[in-house]
Amino acid sequence: MSDTDSKNDGNQSSADDDWASALAEQTAAARPAAPSVFQPLESQPAATLNGDIERILDVPVQLTVELGRTKLSIKNLLQLGQGSVVELDGLAGEPMDIYVNGYLIAQGEVVVVDDKYGIRLTDIITPSERINRLNRR
């Protein structure tokens, strides 16, 4: 292994440690779990239910963080070039919206860990909040 490879491995393990500590901090600050809304299914043994859940745990989903939005005319869009600045409706310091497969699920704040951007969840959107947001649009 070359010196460059060993340095990259050292940087990677440092990055992994930083992400692990950020996740540990998030877990420590997590709110207590909400009481279960659904009653457990009694017709199937617990082992069967766990097996069913195991099947979907590896299904990939798309997580998107939205910084802001704006509307442009086609004329203004065609005038954009390298170095152009587009003003968004989001304010600096405002929480970012977090979507999973296009559905708003949370809000969070941008964090930087080893020169990489991340997002720390600050608020999980409840189903009733989701409906209210849809009514406002």
C-alpha atoms as a PDB file:
ATOM      1  CA  MET A   1       0.000   0.000   0.000  1.00  0.00           C
ATOM      2  CA  SER A   2       1.429   3.414  -0.902  1.00  0.00           C
ATOM      3  CA  ASP A   3       1.735   6.398   1.438  1.00  0.00           C
ATOM      4  CA  THR A   4      -1.134   8.102  -0.406  1.00  0.00           C
ATOM      5  CA  ASP A   5      -3.395   5.092   0.154  1.00  0.00           C
ATOM      6  CA  SER A   6      -2.583   4.965   3.849  1.00  0.00           C
ATOM      7  CA  LYS A   7      -3.250   8.727   4.192  1.00  0.00           C
ATOM      8  CA  ASN A   8      -6.599   8.326   2.414  1.00  0.00           C
ATOM      9  CA  ASP A   9      -7.473   5.424   4.726  1.00  0.00           C
ATOM     10  CA  GLY A  10      -6.588   7.611   7.710  1.00  0.00           C
ATOM     11  CA  ASN A  11      -8.746  10.451   6.394  1.00  0.00           C
ATOM     12  CA  GLN A  12     -11.595   8.035   5.691  1.00  0.00           C
ATOM     13  CA  SER A  13     -11.506   6.570   9.201  1.00  0.00           C
ATOM     14  CA  SER A  14     -11.429  10.111  10.614  1.00  0.00           C
ATOM     15  CA  ALA A  15     -14.439  11.008   8.471  1.00  0.00           C
ATOM     16  CA  ASP A  16     -16.204   7.845   9.621  1.00  0.00           C
ATOM     17  CA  ASP A  17     -15.464   8.770  13.247  1.00  0.00           C
ATOM     18  CA  ASP A  18     -16.891  12.272  12.722  1.00  0.00           C
ATOM     19  CA  TRP A  19     -20.059  10.904  11.124  1.00  0.00           C
ATOM     20  CA  ALA A  20     -20.381   8.312  13.903  1.00  0.00           C
ATOM     21  CA  SER A  21     -20.079  11.012  16.573  1.00  0.00           C
ATOM     22  CA  ALA A  22     -22.636  13.182  14.748  1.00  0.00           C
ATOM     23  CA  LEU A  23     -25.041  10.231  14.632  1.00  0.00           C
ATOM     24  CA  ALA A  24     -24.415   9.469  18.315  1.00  0.00           C
ATOM     25  CA  GLU A  25     -25.166  13.108  19.156  1.00  0.00           C
ATOM     26  CA  GLN A  26     -28.386  12.913  17.150  1.00  0.00           C
ATOM     27  CA  THR A  27     -29.419   9.703  18.907  1.00  0.00           C
ATOM     28  CA  ALA A  28     -28.712  11.207  22.322  1.00  0.00           C
ATOM     29  CA  ALA A  29     -30.813  14.275  21.497  1.00  0.00           C
ATOM     30  CA  ALA A  30     -33.670  12.275  19.973  1.00  0.00           C
ATOM     31  CA  ARG A  31     -37.126  12.774  21.367  1.00  0.00           C
ATOM     32  CA  PRO A  32     -38.772   9.900  23.234  1.00  0.00           C
ATOM     33  CA  ALA A  33     -40.584   7.507  20.936  1.00  0.00           C
ATOM     34  CA  ALA A  34     -44.268   8.245  20.339  1.00  0.00           C
ATOM     35  CA  PRO A  35     -46.707   5.615  21.548  1.00  0.00           C
ATOM     36  CA  SER A  36     -47.601   3.037  18.922  1.00  0.00           C
ATOM     37  CA  VAL A  37     -50.702   3.979  16.926  1.00  0.00           C
ATOM     38  CA  PHE A  38     -51.362   0.493  15.601  1.00  0.00           C
ATOM     39  CA  GLN A  39     -52.015  -2.580  17.664  1.00  0.00           C
ATOM     40  CA  PRO A  40     -49.648  -5.494  16.980  1.00  0.00           C
ATOM     41  CA  LEU A  41     -50.937  -8.191  14.666  1.00  0.00           C
ATOM     42  CA  GLU A  42     -51.677 -11.279  16.722  1.00  0.00           C
ATOM     43  CA  SER A  43     -52.590 -13.611  13.889  1.00  0.00           C
ATOM     44  CA  GLN A  44     -48.953 -13.982  12.783  1.00  0.00           C
ATOM     45  CA  PRO A  45     -45.990 -14.957  14.924  1.00  0.00           C
ATOM     46  CA  ALA A  46     -43.483 -12.187  15.632  1.00  0.00           C
ATOM     47  CA  ALA A  47     -40.767 -14.076  13.742  1.00  0.00           C
ATOM     48  CA  THR A  48     -42.846 -13.919  10.534  1.00  0.00           C
ATOM     49  CA  LEU A  49     -43.448 -10.174  10.934  1.00  0.00           C
ATOM     50  CA  ASN A  50     -39.750  -9.516  11.470  1.00  0.00           C
ATOM     51  CA  GLY A  51     -38.968 -11.543   8.356  1.00  0.00           C
ATOM     52  CA  ASP A  52     -41.420  -9.427   6.325  1.00  0.00           C
ATOM     53  CA  ILE A  53     -39.827  -6.208   7.552  1.00  0.00           C
ATOM     54  CA  GLU A  54     -36.363  -7.560   6.751  1.00  0.00           C
ATOM     55  CA  ARG A  55     -37.422  -7.872   3.102  1.00  0.00           C
ATOM     56  CA  ILE A  56     -37.983  -4.132   2.690  1.00  0.00           C
ATOM     57  CA  LEU A  57     -35.064  -2.790   4.714  1.00  0.00           C
ATOM     58  CA  ASP A  58     -32.745  -2.821   1.683  1.00  0.00           C
ATOM     59  CA  VAL A  59     -35.202  -1.093  -0.680  1.00  0.00           C
ATOM     60  CA  PRO A  60     -33.488   2.107  -1.870  1.00  0.00           C
ATOM     61  CA  VAL A  61     -35.290   5.435  -1.488  1.00  0.00           C
ATOM     62  CA  GLN A  62     -34.291   8.869  -2.755  1.00  0.00           C
ATOM     63  CA  LEU A  63     -33.611  11.451  -0.058  1.00  0.00           C
ATOM     64  CA  THR A  64     -33.629  15.058  -1.276  1.00  0.00           C
ATOM     65  CA  VAL A  65     -32.830  18.221   0.667  1.00  0.00           C
ATOM     66  CA  GLU A  66     -34.340  21.379  -0.774  1.00  0.00           C
ATOM     67  CA  LEU A  67     -32.464  24.631  -0.301  1.00  0.00           C
ATOM     68  CA  GLY A  68     -35.159  26.802  -1.891  1.00  0.00           C
ATOM     69  CA  ARG A  69     -37.232  27.457  -4.993  1.00  0.00           C
ATOM     70  CA  THR A  70     -37.906  30.229  -7.452  1.00  0.00           C
ATOM     71  CA  LYS A  71     -39.824  30.830 -10.669  1.00  0.00           C
ATOM     72  CA  LEU A  72     -38.118  32.157 -13.796  1.00  0.00           C
ATOM     73  CA  SER A  73     -39.393  33.092 -17.206  1.00  0.00           C
ATOM     74  CA  ILE A  74     -37.915  31.171 -20.109  1.00  0.00           C
ATOM     75  CA  LYS A  75     -36.257  34.418 -21.236  1.00  0.00           C
ATOM     76  CA  ASN A  76     -34.439  34.760 -17.884  1.00  0.00           C
ATOM     77  CA  LEU A  77     -33.602  31.055 -17.857  1.00  0.00           C
ATOM     78  CA  LEU A  78     -31.948  31.318 -21.277  1.00  0.00           C
ATOM     79  CA  GLN A  79     -29.886  34.295 -20.085  1.00  0.00           C
ATOM     80  CA  LEU A  80     -28.268  32.282 -17.272  1.00  0.00           C
ATOM     81  CA  GLY A  81     -24.612  31.510 -17.703  1.00  0.00           C
ATOM     82  CA  GLN A  82     -21.642  30.377 -15.682  1.00  0.00           C
ATOM     83  CA  GLY A  83     -21.347  32.627 -12.636  1.00  0.00           C
ATOM     84  CA  SER A  84     -25.021  33.696 -12.699  1.00  0.00           C
ATOM     85  CA  VAL A  85     -26.714  33.955  -9.310  1.00  0.00           C
ATOM     86  CA  VAL A  86     -30.322  32.821  -8.931  1.00  0.00           C
ATOM     87  CA  GLU A  87     -32.179  34.147  -5.892  1.00  0.00           C
ATOM     88  CA  LEU A  88     -34.189  31.500  -4.030  1.00  0.00           C
ATOM     89  CA  ASP A  89     -37.168  31.968  -1.730  1.00  0.00           C
ATOM     90  CA  GLY A  90     -35.405  30.296   1.225  1.00  0.00           C
ATOM     91  CA  LEU A  91     -33.848  32.531   3.854  1.00  0.00           C
ATOM     92  CA  ALA A  92     -30.329  32.069   5.208  1.00  0.00           C
ATOM     93  CA  GLY A  93     -30.458  30.030   8.419  1.00  0.00           C
ATOM     94  CA  GLU A  94     -33.961  28.723   7.658  1.00  0.00           C
ATOM     95  CA  PRO A  95     -34.476  24.953   8.048  1.00  0.00           C
ATOM     96  CA  MET A  96     -34.123  22.896   4.874  1.00  0.00           C
ATOM     97  CA  ASP A  97     -36.984  20.679   3.722  1.00  0.00           C
ATOM     98  CA  ILE A  98     -36.134  16.965   3.531  1.00  0.00           C
ATOM     99  CA  TYR A  99     -38.059  14.751   1.133  1.00  0.00           C
ATOM    100  CA  VAL A 100     -38.120  10.978   0.720  1.00  0.00           C
ATOM    101  CA  ASN A 101     -39.346   9.932  -2.724  1.00  0.00           C
ATOM    102  CA  GLY A 102     -40.931  13.367  -3.153  1.00  0.00           C
ATOM    103  CA  TYR A 103     -42.789  13.407   0.186  1.00  0.00           C
ATOM    104  CA  LEU A 104     -41.845  15.959   2.844  1.00  0.00           C
ATOM    105  CA  ILE A 105     -40.826  14.025   5.935  1.00  0.00           C
ATOM    106  CA  ALA A 106     -38.648  16.369   7.974  1.00  0.00           C
ATOM    107  CA  GLN A 107     -36.740  19.612   8.265  1.00  0.00           C
ATOM    108  CA  GLY A 108     -33.119  20.003   9.184  1.00  0.00           C
ATOM    109  CA  GLU A 109     -30.049  22.160   9.333  1.00  0.00           C
ATOM    110  CA  VAL A 110     -26.946  21.953   7.202  1.00  0.00           C
ATOM    111  CA  VAL A 111     -23.817  20.646   8.922  1.00  0.00           C
ATOM    112  CA  VAL A 112     -20.278  20.192   7.638  1.00  0.00           C
ATOM    113  CA  VAL A 113     -18.205  17.154   8.575  1.00  0.00           C
ATOM    114  CA  ASP A 114     -14.709  16.883   7.059  1.00  0.00           C
ATOM    115  CA  ASP A 115     -15.488  19.264   4.172  1.00  0.00           C
ATOM    116  CA  LYS A 116     -18.670  17.360   3.255  1.00  0.00           C
ATOM    117  CA  TYR A 117     -22.186  18.658   3.678  1.00  0.00           C
ATOM    118  CA  GLY A 118     -24.711  16.774   5.749  1.00  0.00           C
ATOM    119  CA  ILE A 119     -28.126  17.465   7.217  1.00  0.00           C
ATOM    120  CA  ARG A 120     -29.112  17.175  10.881  1.00  0.00           C
ATOM    121  CA  LEU A 121     -32.810  16.469  11.338  1.00  0.00           C
ATOM    122  CA  THR A 122     -34.388  19.072  13.584  1.00  0.00           C
ATOM    123  CA  ASP A 123     -38.092  18.316  13.115  1.00  0.00           C
ATOM    124  CA  ILE A 124     -40.042  15.320  11.823  1.00  0.00           C
ATOM    125  CA  ILE A 125     -43.217  16.267   9.963  1.00  0.00           C
ATOM    126  CA  THR A 126     -46.346  14.626  11.407  1.00  0.00           C
ATOM    127  CA  PRO A 127     -49.148  13.442   9.102  1.00  0.00           C
ATOM    128  CA  SER A 128     -51.387  16.333  10.235  1.00  0.00           C
ATOM    129  CA  GLU A 129     -48.628  18.857   9.452  1.00  0.00           C
ATOM    130  CA  ARG A 130     -48.244  17.297   5.996  1.00  0.00           C
ATOM    131  CA  ILE A 131     -51.947  17.855   5.304  1.00  0.00           C
ATOM    132  CA  ASN A 132     -51.748  21.469   6.527  1.00  0.00           C
ATOM    133  CA  ARG A 133     -48.798  22.120   4.215  1.00  0.00           C
ATOM    134  CA  LEU A 134     -50.702  20.696   1.252  1.00  0.00           C
ATOM    135  CA  ASN A 135     -53.678  22.977   2.027  1.00  0.00           C
ATOM    136  CA  ARG A 136     -51.426  26.093   2.085  1.00  0.00           C
ATOM    137  CA  ARG A 137     -50.182  25.534  -1.470  1.00  0.00           C
END
